[in-house]
Amino acid sequence: MHFLVLARDADGASALRTGHRQRHVDYWIGQGSRLKVAGAMMSDDGEDAVPVGSSFLIEASDESEVRELIAGDPFTTEGIFGSDVTVQRIRPAIGEWFAASAKD
């Protein structure tokens, strides 16, 4: 199963985000093929946009596994992610990534 995760940062967490970014990235790299894609959610589409949260596409057996992964993220343990974390099961159907992964 695949899950889309949207994790908004807590108010005032931008300085913390910068200080823990490498641990956050290393954590997700360590998750191997379960993580399909991830990246920062941005404040807007302008040149001065700043990160306001993170987004993930995760392959997992169920929602509880996804929530355990998010709970172990340094951005969660350090209080960067706020309480507004959305986990939604999705069914990938089309797109470049999906087409490439379906060939494997």
PDB file of N, CA and C in Angstrom:
ATOM      1  N   MET A   1       0.834  -1.176   0.000  1.00  0.00           N
ATOM      2  CA  MET A   1       0.000   0.000   0.000  1.00  0.00           C
ATOM      3  C   MET A   1       0.883   1.245   0.000  1.00  0.00           C
ATOM      4  N   HIS A   2       0.341   2.309  -0.545  1.00  0.00           N
ATOM      5  CA  HIS A   2       1.046   3.583  -0.586  1.00  0.00           C
ATOM      6  C   HIS A   2       0.271   4.626   0.212  1.00  0.00           C
ATOM      7  N   PHE A   3       1.022   5.517   0.857  1.00  0.00           N
ATOM      8  CA  PHE A   3       0.434   6.548   1.689  1.00  0.00           C
ATOM      9  C   PHE A   3       1.085   7.887   1.388  1.00  0.00           C
ATOM     10  N   LEU A   4       0.256   8.911   1.290  1.00  0.00           N
ATOM     11  CA  LEU A   4       0.721  10.281   1.154  1.00  0.00           C
ATOM     12  C   LEU A   4       0.701  10.900   2.543  1.00  0.00           C
ATOM     13  N   VAL A   5       1.820  11.491   2.940  1.00  0.00           N
ATOM     14  CA  VAL A   5       1.921  12.118   4.251  1.00  0.00           C
ATOM     15  C   VAL A   5       2.239  13.589   4.060  1.00  0.00           C
ATOM     16  N   LEU A   6       1.462  14.436   4.723  1.00  0.00           N
ATOM     17  CA  LEU A   6       1.712  15.872   4.749  1.00  0.00           C
ATOM     18  C   LEU A   6       1.910  16.255   6.208  1.00  0.00           C
ATOM     19  N   ALA A   7       3.098  16.747   6.533  1.00  0.00           N
ATOM     20  CA  ALA A   7       3.441  17.087   7.918  1.00  0.00           C
ATOM     21  C   ALA A   7       3.827  18.562   7.987  1.00  0.00           C
ATOM     22  N   ARG A   8       2.936  19.379   8.500  1.00  0.00           N
ATOM     23  CA  ARG A   8       3.199  20.812   8.640  1.00  0.00           C
ATOM     24  C   ARG A   8       4.110  21.060   9.835  1.00  0.00           C
ATOM     25  N   ASP A   9       4.983  22.051   9.694  1.00  0.00           N
ATOM     26  CA  ASP A   9       5.856  22.437  10.799  1.00  0.00           C
ATOM     27  C   ASP A   9       5.062  23.163  11.879  1.00  0.00           C
ATOM     28  N   ALA A  10       5.518  23.019  13.103  1.00  0.00           N
ATOM     29  CA  ALA A  10       4.958  23.779  14.209  1.00  0.00           C
ATOM     30  C   ALA A  10       5.332  25.255  14.033  1.00  0.00           C
ATOM     31  N   ASP A  11       4.548  26.138  14.614  1.00  0.00           N
ATOM     32  CA  ASP A  11       4.860  27.564  14.554  1.00  0.00           C
ATOM     33  C   ASP A  11       6.246  27.814  15.144  1.00  0.00           C
ATOM     34  N   GLY A  12       7.037  28.605  14.454  1.00  0.00           N
ATOM     35  CA  GLY A  12       8.352  28.992  14.942  1.00  0.00           C
ATOM     36  C   GLY A  12       9.423  27.919  14.856  1.00  0.00           C
ATOM     37  N   ALA A  13       9.191  26.883  14.067  1.00  0.00           N
ATOM     38  CA  ALA A  13      10.135  25.757  14.013  1.00  0.00           C
ATOM     39  C   ALA A  13      11.210  25.894  12.943  1.00  0.00           C
ATOM     40  N   SER A  14      11.239  26.991  12.207  1.00  0.00           N
ATOM     41  CA  SER A  14      12.176  27.074  11.079  1.00  0.00           C
ATOM     42  C   SER A  14      13.637  26.991  11.510  1.00  0.00           C
ATOM     43  N   ALA A  15      14.011  27.588  12.624  1.00  0.00           N
ATOM     44  CA  ALA A  15      15.405  27.494  13.084  1.00  0.00           C
ATOM     45  C   ALA A  15      15.739  26.065  13.488  1.00  0.00           C
ATOM     46  N   LEU A  16      14.813  25.381  14.134  1.00  0.00           N
ATOM     47  CA  LEU A  16      15.021  23.976  14.499  1.00  0.00           C
ATOM     48  C   LEU A  16      15.169  23.115  13.259  1.00  0.00           C
ATOM     49  N   ARG A  17      14.359  23.394  12.248  1.00  0.00           N
ATOM     50  CA  ARG A  17      14.389  22.622  10.997  1.00  0.00           C
ATOM     51  C   ARG A  17      15.795  22.625  10.410  1.00  0.00           C
ATOM     52  N   THR A  18      16.392  23.778  10.328  1.00  0.00           N
ATOM     53  CA  THR A  18      17.728  23.896   9.753  1.00  0.00           C
ATOM     54  C   THR A  18      18.746  23.088  10.561  1.00  0.00           C
ATOM     55  N   GLY A  19      18.659  23.140  11.861  1.00  0.00           N
ATOM     56  CA  GLY A  19      19.620  22.458  12.710  1.00  0.00           C
ATOM     57  C   GLY A  19      19.510  20.941  12.695  1.00  0.00           C
ATOM     58  N   HIS A  20      18.349  20.420  12.342  1.00  0.00           N
ATOM     59  CA  HIS A  20      18.130  18.973  12.366  1.00  0.00           C
ATOM     60  C   HIS A  20      17.920  18.376  10.977  1.00  0.00           C
ATOM     61  N   ARG A  21      18.081  19.186   9.942  1.00  0.00           N
ATOM     62  CA  ARG A  21      17.791  18.722   8.587  1.00  0.00           C
ATOM     63  C   ARG A  21      18.615  17.494   8.188  1.00  0.00           C
ATOM     64  N   GLN A  22      19.901  17.492   8.466  1.00  0.00           N
ATOM     65  CA  GLN A  22      20.728  16.364   8.029  1.00  0.00           C
ATOM     66  C   GLN A  22      20.309  15.070   8.731  1.00  0.00           C
ATOM     67  N   ARG A  23      19.996  15.123  10.013  1.00  0.00           N
ATOM     68  CA  ARG A  23      19.509  13.924  10.722  1.00  0.00           C
ATOM     69  C   ARG A  23      18.206  13.438  10.109  1.00  0.00           C
ATOM     70  N   HIS A  24      17.340  14.356   9.748  1.00  0.00           N
ATOM     71  CA  HIS A  24      16.050  14.049   9.112  1.00  0.00           C
ATOM     72  C   HIS A  24      16.293  13.348   7.769  1.00  0.00           C
ATOM     73  N   VAL A  25      17.165  13.914   6.948  1.00  0.00           N
ATOM     74  CA  VAL A  25      17.472  13.326   5.641  1.00  0.00           C
ATOM     75  C   VAL A  25      18.097  11.943   5.818  1.00  0.00           C
ATOM     76  N   ASP A  26      19.057  11.825   6.716  1.00  0.00           N
ATOM     77  CA  ASP A  26      19.709  10.535   6.959  1.00  0.00           C
ATOM     78  C   ASP A  26      18.711   9.477   7.432  1.00  0.00           C
ATOM     79  N   TYR A  27      17.792   9.875   8.288  1.00  0.00           N
ATOM     80  CA  TYR A  27      16.763   8.946   8.773  1.00  0.00           C
ATOM     81  C   TYR A  27      15.975   8.369   7.603  1.00  0.00           C
ATOM     82  N   TRP A  28      15.535   9.238   6.704  1.00  0.00           N
ATOM     83  CA  TRP A  28      14.706   8.764   5.584  1.00  0.00           C
ATOM     84  C   TRP A  28      15.516   7.973   4.565  1.00  0.00           C
ATOM     85  N   ILE A  29      16.757   8.338   4.341  1.00  0.00           N
ATOM     86  CA  ILE A  29      17.608   7.532   3.461  1.00  0.00           C
ATOM     87  C   ILE A  29      17.728   6.127   4.029  1.00  0.00           C
ATOM     88  N   GLY A  30      17.802   6.017   5.340  1.00  0.00           N
ATOM     89  CA  GLY A  30      17.898   4.731   6.003  1.00  0.00           C
ATOM     90  C   GLY A  30      16.657   3.863   5.884  1.00  0.00           C
ATOM     91  N   GLN A  31      15.563   4.423   5.434  1.00  0.00           N
ATOM     92  CA  GLN A  31      14.320   3.652   5.290  1.00  0.00           C
ATOM     93  C   GLN A  31      14.277   2.872   3.977  1.00  0.00           C
ATOM     94  N   GLY A  32      15.264   3.060   3.129  1.00  0.00           N
ATOM     95  CA  GLY A  32      15.374   2.283   1.892  1.00  0.00           C
ATOM     96  C   GLY A  32      14.207   2.497   0.953  1.00  0.00           C
ATOM     97  N   SER A  33      13.768   1.415   0.336  1.00  0.00           N
ATOM     98  CA  SER A  33      12.765   1.506  -0.731  1.00  0.00           C
ATOM     99  C   SER A  33      11.358   1.825  -0.239  1.00  0.00           C
ATOM    100  N   ARG A  34      11.133   1.850   1.066  1.00  0.00           N
ATOM    101  CA  ARG A  34       9.797   2.227   1.566  1.00  0.00           C
ATOM    102  C   ARG A  34       9.465   3.677   1.218  1.00  0.00           C
ATOM    103  N   LEU A  35      10.490   4.523   1.198  1.00  0.00           N
ATOM    104  CA  LEU A  35      10.282   5.924   0.848  1.00  0.00           C
ATOM    105  C   LEU A  35      10.377   6.064  -0.661  1.00  0.00           C
ATOM    106  N   LYS A  36       9.292   6.482  -1.287  1.00  0.00           N
ATOM    107  CA  LYS A  36       9.265   6.638  -2.748  1.00  0.00           C
ATOM    108  C   LYS A  36       9.703   8.027  -3.180  1.00  0.00           C
ATOM    109  N   VAL A  37       9.261   9.043  -2.471  1.00  0.00           N
ATOM    110  CA  VAL A  37       9.655  10.419  -2.759  1.00  0.00           C
ATOM    111  C   VAL A  37       9.322  11.257  -1.524  1.00  0.00           C
ATOM    112  N   ALA A  38      10.108  12.301  -1.303  1.00  0.00           N
ATOM    113  CA  ALA A  38       9.863  13.197  -0.182  1.00  0.00           C
ATOM    114  C   ALA A  38      10.433  14.562  -0.510  1.00  0.00           C
ATOM    115  N   GLY A  39       9.933  15.566   0.167  1.00  0.00           N
ATOM    116  CA  GLY A  39      10.457  16.911  -0.020  1.00  0.00           C
ATOM    117  C   GLY A  39       9.717  17.908   0.833  1.00  0.00           C
ATOM    118  N   ALA A  40      10.285  19.103   0.903  1.00  0.00           N
ATOM    119  CA  ALA A  40       9.693  20.172   1.699  1.00  0.00           C
ATOM    120  C   ALA A  40       8.439  20.724   1.037  1.00  0.00           C
ATOM    121  N   MET A  41       7.452  21.050   1.851  1.00  0.00           N
ATOM    122  CA  MET A  41       6.308  21.837   1.400  1.00  0.00           C
ATOM    123  C   MET A  41       6.736  23.292   1.562  1.00  0.00           C
ATOM    124  N   MET A  42       6.489  24.096   0.556  1.00  0.00           N
ATOM    125  CA  MET A  42       6.983  25.468   0.553  1.00  0.00           C
ATOM    126  C   MET A  42       5.869  26.471   0.839  1.00  0.00           C
ATOM    127  N   SER A  43       6.262  27.642   1.352  1.00  0.00           N
ATOM    128  CA  SER A  43       5.301  28.669   1.740  1.00  0.00           C
ATOM    129  C   SER A  43       4.544  29.243   0.552  1.00  0.00           C
ATOM    130  N   ASP A  44       5.181  29.295  -0.581  1.00  0.00           N
ATOM    131  CA  ASP A  44       4.530  29.780  -1.801  1.00  0.00           C
ATOM    132  C   ASP A  44       5.424  29.428  -2.976  1.00  0.00           C
ATOM    133  N   ASP A  45       5.112  29.931  -4.158  1.00  0.00           N
ATOM    134  CA  ASP A  45       5.914  29.587  -5.330  1.00  0.00           C
ATOM    135  C   ASP A  45       6.894  30.690  -5.727  1.00  0.00           C
ATOM    136  N   GLY A  46       7.101  31.661  -4.851  1.00  0.00           N
ATOM    137  CA  GLY A  46       8.028  32.755  -5.151  1.00  0.00           C
ATOM    138  C   GLY A  46       9.465  32.420  -4.810  1.00  0.00           C
ATOM    139  N   GLU A  47      10.356  33.316  -5.183  1.00  0.00           N
ATOM    140  CA  GLU A  47      11.782  33.116  -4.926  1.00  0.00           C
ATOM    141  C   GLU A  47      12.116  33.146  -3.442  1.00  0.00           C
ATOM    142  N   ASP A  48      11.280  33.786  -2.625  1.00  0.00           N
ATOM    143  CA  ASP A  48      11.530  33.894  -1.187  1.00  0.00           C
ATOM    144  C   ASP A  48      10.793  32.814  -0.396  1.00  0.00           C
ATOM    145  N   ALA A  49      10.317  31.787  -1.072  1.00  0.00           N
ATOM    146  CA  ALA A  49       9.573  30.717  -0.402  1.00  0.00           C
ATOM    147  C   ALA A  49      10.464  30.025   0.626  1.00  0.00           C
ATOM    148  N   VAL A  50       9.851  29.610   1.718  1.00  0.00           N
ATOM    149  CA  VAL A  50      10.561  28.901   2.785  1.00  0.00           C
ATOM    150  C   VAL A  50       9.815  27.609   3.103  1.00  0.00           C
ATOM    151  N   PRO A  51      10.517  26.595   3.630  1.00  0.00           N
ATOM    152  CA  PRO A  51       9.843  25.357   4.004  1.00  0.00           C
ATOM    153  C   PRO A  51       8.837  25.593   5.134  1.00  0.00           C
ATOM    154  N   VAL A  52       7.673  24.963   4.994  1.00  0.00           N
ATOM    155  CA  VAL A  52       6.629  25.049   6.022  1.00  0.00           C
ATOM    156  C   VAL A  52       6.181  23.660   6.478  1.00  0.00           C
ATOM    157  N   GLY A  53       6.858  22.637   5.989  1.00  0.00           N
ATOM    158  CA  GLY A  53       6.515  21.269   6.343  1.00  0.00           C
ATOM    159  C   GLY A  53       7.187  20.308   5.384  1.00  0.00           C
ATOM    160  N   SER A  54       6.793  19.049   5.480  1.00  0.00           N
ATOM    161  CA  SER A  54       7.376  18.014   4.626  1.00  0.00           C
ATOM    162  C   SER A  54       6.277  17.137   4.044  1.00  0.00           C
ATOM    163  N   SER A  55       6.568  16.574   2.877  1.00  0.00           N
ATOM    164  CA  SER A  55       5.630  15.646   2.231  1.00  0.00           C
ATOM    165  C   SER A  55       6.383  14.367   1.892  1.00  0.00           C
ATOM    166  N   PHE A  56       5.658  13.255   1.949  1.00  0.00           N
ATOM    167  CA  PHE A  56       6.256  11.942   1.715  1.00  0.00           C
ATOM    168  C   PHE A  56       5.280  11.065   0.942  1.00  0.00           C
ATOM    169  N   LEU A  57       5.814  10.220   0.111  1.00  0.00           N
ATOM    170  CA  LEU A  57       5.064   9.108  -0.464  1.00  0.00           C
ATOM    171  C   LEU A  57       5.762   7.858   0.042  1.00  0.00           C
ATOM    172  N   ILE A  58       5.055   7.073   0.839  1.00  0.00           N
ATOM    173  CA  ILE A  58       5.639   5.944   1.540  1.00  0.00           C
ATOM    174  C   ILE A  58       4.887   4.667   1.182  1.00  0.00           C
ATOM    175  N   GLU A  59       5.635   3.602   0.980  1.00  0.00           N
ATOM    176  CA  GLU A  59       5.041   2.276   0.796  1.00  0.00           C
ATOM    177  C   GLU A  59       5.141   1.543   2.140  1.00  0.00           C
ATOM    178  N   ALA A  60       4.010   1.067   2.627  1.00  0.00           N
ATOM    179  CA  ALA A  60       3.968   0.392   3.926  1.00  0.00           C
ATOM    180  C   ALA A  60       2.812  -0.595   3.952  1.00  0.00           C
ATOM    181  N   SER A  61       2.841  -1.483   4.924  1.00  0.00           N
ATOM    182  CA  SER A  61       1.786  -2.494   5.024  1.00  0.00           C
ATOM    183  C   SER A  61       0.476  -1.918   5.548  1.00  0.00           C
ATOM    184  N   ASP A  62       0.547  -0.860   6.349  1.00  0.00           N
ATOM    185  CA  ASP A  62      -0.674  -0.233   6.870  1.00  0.00           C
ATOM    186  C   ASP A  62      -0.352   1.151   7.427  1.00  0.00           C
ATOM    187  N   GLU A  63      -1.385   1.877   7.820  1.00  0.00           N
ATOM    188  CA  GLU A  63      -1.211   3.237   8.312  1.00  0.00           C
ATOM    189  C   GLU A  63      -0.387   3.282   9.598  1.00  0.00           C
ATOM    190  N   SER A  64      -0.541   2.286  10.445  1.00  0.00           N
ATOM    191  CA  SER A  64       0.210   2.312  11.703  1.00  0.00           C
ATOM    192  C   SER A  64       1.720   2.246  11.447  1.00  0.00           C
ATOM    193  N   GLU A  65       2.147   1.509  10.434  1.00  0.00           N
ATOM    194  CA  GLU A  65       3.566   1.468  10.083  1.00  0.00           C
ATOM    195  C   GLU A  65       4.042   2.847   9.638  1.00  0.00           C
ATOM    196  N   VAL A  66       3.226   3.537   8.860  1.00  0.00           N
ATOM    197  CA  VAL A  66       3.577   4.882   8.407  1.00  0.00           C
ATOM    198  C   VAL A  66       3.697   5.820   9.606  1.00  0.00           C
ATOM    199  N   ARG A  67       2.743   5.744  10.511  1.00  0.00           N
ATOM    200  CA  ARG A  67       2.775   6.617  11.688  1.00  0.00           C
ATOM    201  C   ARG A  67       3.991   6.319  12.570  1.00  0.00           C
ATOM    202  N   GLU A  68       4.420   5.072  12.632  1.00  0.00           N
ATOM    203  CA  GLU A  68       5.641   4.730  13.373  1.00  0.00           C
ATOM    204  C   GLU A  68       6.865   5.351  12.702  1.00  0.00           C
ATOM    205  N   LEU A  69       6.908   5.320  11.371  1.00  0.00           N
ATOM    206  CA  LEU A  69       8.012   5.949  10.648  1.00  0.00           C
ATOM    207  C   LEU A  69       8.054   7.451  10.923  1.00  0.00           C
ATOM    208  N   ILE A  70       6.909   8.099  10.858  1.00  0.00           N
ATOM    209  CA  ILE A  70       6.849   9.540  11.116  1.00  0.00           C
ATOM    210  C   ILE A  70       7.241   9.830  12.565  1.00  0.00           C
ATOM    211  N   ALA A  71       6.815   8.994  13.490  1.00  0.00           N
ATOM    212  CA  ALA A  71       7.139   9.190  14.912  1.00  0.00           C
ATOM    213  C   ALA A  71       8.646   9.112  15.159  1.00  0.00           C
ATOM    214  N   GLY A  72       9.373   8.319  14.353  1.00  0.00           N
ATOM    215  CA  GLY A  72      10.812   8.184  14.509  1.00  0.00           C
ATOM    216  C   GLY A  72      11.632   9.249  13.799  1.00  0.00           C
ATOM    217  N   ASP A  73      10.985  10.057  12.983  1.00  0.00           N
ATOM    218  CA  ASP A  73      11.670  11.120  12.240  1.00  0.00           C
ATOM    219  C   ASP A  73      12.191  12.166  13.228  1.00  0.00           C
ATOM    220  N   PRO A  74      13.457  12.567  13.105  1.00  0.00           N
ATOM    221  CA  PRO A  74      13.974  13.615  13.982  1.00  0.00           C
ATOM    222  C   PRO A  74      13.153  14.908  13.948  1.00  0.00           C
ATOM    223  N   PHE A  75      12.490  15.195  12.844  1.00  0.00           N
ATOM    224  CA  PHE A  75      11.629  16.377  12.809  1.00  0.00           C
ATOM    225  C   PHE A  75      10.426  16.211  13.739  1.00  0.00           C
ATOM    226  N   THR A  76      10.018  14.979  14.012  1.00  0.00           N
ATOM    227  CA  THR A  76       8.955  14.743  14.988  1.00  0.00           C
ATOM    228  C   THR A  76       9.542  14.780  16.399  1.00  0.00           C
ATOM    229  N   THR A  77      10.611  14.029  16.625  1.00  0.00           N
ATOM    230  CA  THR A  77      11.161  13.921  17.981  1.00  0.00           C
ATOM    231  C   THR A  77      11.697  15.251  18.496  1.00  0.00           C
ATOM    232  N   GLU A  78      12.105  16.142  17.604  1.00  0.00           N
ATOM    233  CA  GLU A  78      12.633  17.451  18.006  1.00  0.00           C
ATOM    234  C   GLU A  78      11.566  18.544  18.007  1.00  0.00           C
ATOM    235  N   GLY A  79      10.319  18.185  17.736  1.00  0.00           N
ATOM    236  CA  GLY A  79       9.221  19.154  17.815  1.00  0.00           C
ATOM    237  C   GLY A  79       9.083  20.058  16.611  1.00  0.00           C
ATOM    238  N   ILE A  80       9.670  19.688  15.487  1.00  0.00           N
ATOM    239  CA  ILE A  80       9.566  20.517  14.280  1.00  0.00           C
ATOM    240  C   ILE A  80       8.213  20.324  13.619  1.00  0.00           C
ATOM    241  N   PHE A  81       7.796  19.067  13.458  1.00  0.00           N
ATOM    242  CA  PHE A  81       6.454  18.831  12.935  1.00  0.00           C
ATOM    243  C   PHE A  81       5.437  19.181  14.016  1.00  0.00           C
ATOM    244  N   GLY A  82       4.391  19.858  13.597  1.00  0.00           N
ATOM    245  CA  GLY A  82       3.309  20.157  14.523  1.00  0.00           C
ATOM    246  C   GLY A  82       2.362  18.978  14.629  1.00  0.00           C
ATOM    247  N   SER A  83       1.242  19.206  15.219  1.00  0.00           N
ATOM    248  CA  SER A  83       0.256  18.131  15.402  1.00  0.00           C
ATOM    249  C   SER A  83      -0.556  17.879  14.138  1.00  0.00           C
ATOM    250  N   ASP A  84      -0.394  18.726  13.142  1.00  0.00           N
ATOM    251  CA  ASP A  84      -1.159  18.618  11.898  1.00  0.00           C
ATOM    252  C   ASP A  84      -0.425  17.722  10.899  1.00  0.00           C
ATOM    253  N   VAL A  85      -0.466  16.395  11.119  1.00  0.00           N
ATOM    254  CA  VAL A  85       0.145  15.423  10.213  1.00  0.00           C
ATOM    255  C   VAL A  85      -0.973  14.601   9.588  1.00  0.00           C
ATOM    256  N   THR A  86      -1.066  14.639   8.278  1.00  0.00           N
ATOM    257  CA  THR A  86      -2.088  13.903   7.542  1.00  0.00           C
ATOM    258  C   THR A  86      -1.466  12.669   6.917  1.00  0.00           C
ATOM    259  N   VAL A  87      -2.087  11.516   7.134  1.00  0.00           N
ATOM    260  CA  VAL A  87      -1.672  10.272   6.493  1.00  0.00           C
ATOM    261  C   VAL A  87      -2.868   9.772   5.705  1.00  0.00           C
ATOM    262  N   GLN A  88      -2.717   9.668   4.391  1.00  0.00           N
ATOM    263  CA  GLN A  88      -3.817   9.256   3.529  1.00  0.00           C
ATOM    264  C   GLN A  88      -3.372   8.130   2.615  1.00  0.00           C
ATOM    265  N   ARG A  89      -4.072   7.022   2.670  1.00  0.00           N
ATOM    266  CA  ARG A  89      -3.769   5.934   1.737  1.00  0.00           C
ATOM    267  C   ARG A  89      -4.150   6.379   0.334  1.00  0.00           C
ATOM    268  N   ILE A  90      -3.289   6.070  -0.614  1.00  0.00           N
ATOM    269  CA  ILE A  90      -3.564   6.392  -2.015  1.00  0.00           C
ATOM    270  C   ILE A  90      -3.311   5.155  -2.865  1.00  0.00           C
ATOM    271  N   ARG A  91      -3.813   5.192  -4.078  1.00  0.00           N
ATOM    272  CA  ARG A  91      -3.584   4.106  -5.029  1.00  0.00           C
ATOM    273  C   ARG A  91      -2.948   4.702  -6.273  1.00  0.00           C
ATOM    274  N   PRO A  92      -1.604   4.644  -6.379  1.00  0.00           N
ATOM    275  CA  PRO A  92      -0.947   5.180  -7.568  1.00  0.00           C
ATOM    276  C   PRO A  92      -1.468   4.472  -8.824  1.00  0.00           C
ATOM    277  N   ALA A  93      -1.679   5.259  -9.872  1.00  0.00           N
ATOM    278  CA  ALA A  93      -2.223   4.679 -11.103  1.00  0.00           C
ATOM    279  C   ALA A  93      -1.473   5.118 -12.355  1.00  0.00           C
ATOM    280  N   ILE A  94      -1.031   6.362 -12.398  1.00  0.00           N
ATOM    281  CA  ILE A  94      -0.315   6.856 -13.578  1.00  0.00           C
ATOM    282  C   ILE A  94       0.807   7.772 -13.136  1.00  0.00           C
ATOM    283  N   GLY A  95       1.724   8.055 -14.033  1.00  0.00           N
ATOM    284  CA  GLY A  95       2.819   8.967 -13.760  1.00  0.00           C
ATOM    285  C   GLY A  95       4.155   8.329 -14.047  1.00  0.00           C
ATOM    286  N   GLU A  96       5.149   9.152 -14.270  1.00  0.00           N
ATOM    287  CA  GLU A  96       6.474   8.679 -14.642  1.00  0.00           C
ATOM    288  C   GLU A  96       7.060   7.743 -13.592  1.00  0.00           C
ATOM    289  N   TRP A  97       7.012   8.138 -12.311  1.00  0.00           N
ATOM    290  CA  TRP A  97       7.550   7.285 -11.248  1.00  0.00           C
ATOM    291  C   TRP A  97       6.836   5.942 -11.222  1.00  0.00           C
ATOM    292  N   PHE A  98       5.524   5.973 -11.288  1.00  0.00           N
ATOM    293  CA  PHE A  98       4.753   4.737 -11.201  1.00  0.00           C
ATOM    294  C   PHE A  98       5.042   3.836 -12.386  1.00  0.00           C
ATOM    295  N   ALA A  99       5.121   4.395 -13.556  1.00  0.00           N
ATOM    296  CA  ALA A  99       5.398   3.597 -14.753  1.00  0.00           C
ATOM    297  C   ALA A  99       6.767   2.928 -14.655  1.00  0.00           C
ATOM    298  N   ALA A 100       7.768   3.662 -14.158  1.00  0.00           N
ATOM    299  CA  ALA A 100       9.111   3.097 -14.013  1.00  0.00           C
ATOM    300  C   ALA A 100       9.136   2.007 -12.955  1.00  0.00           C
ATOM    301  N   SER A 101       8.441   2.208 -11.837  1.00  0.00           N
ATOM    302  CA  SER A 101       8.460   1.198 -10.769  1.00  0.00           C
ATOM    303  C   SER A 101       7.653  -0.034 -11.154  1.00  0.00           C
ATOM    304  N   ALA A 102       6.660   0.111 -12.001  1.00  0.00           N
ATOM    305  CA  ALA A 102       5.858  -1.028 -12.436  1.00  0.00           C
ATOM    306  C   ALA A 102       6.646  -1.971 -13.345  1.00  0.00           C
ATOM    307  N   LYS A 103       7.694  -1.442 -14.014  1.00  0.00           N
ATOM    308  CA  LYS A 103       8.519  -2.268 -14.909  1.00  0.00           C
ATOM    309  C   LYS A 103       9.466  -3.170 -14.136  1.00  0.00           C
ATOM    310  N   ASP A 104       9.797  -2.795 -12.917  1.00  0.00           N
ATOM    311  CA  ASP A 104      10.771  -3.563 -12.102  1.00  0.00           C
ATOM    312  C   ASP A 104      10.213  -4.898 -11.658  1.00  0.00           C
TER     313      ASP A 104
END
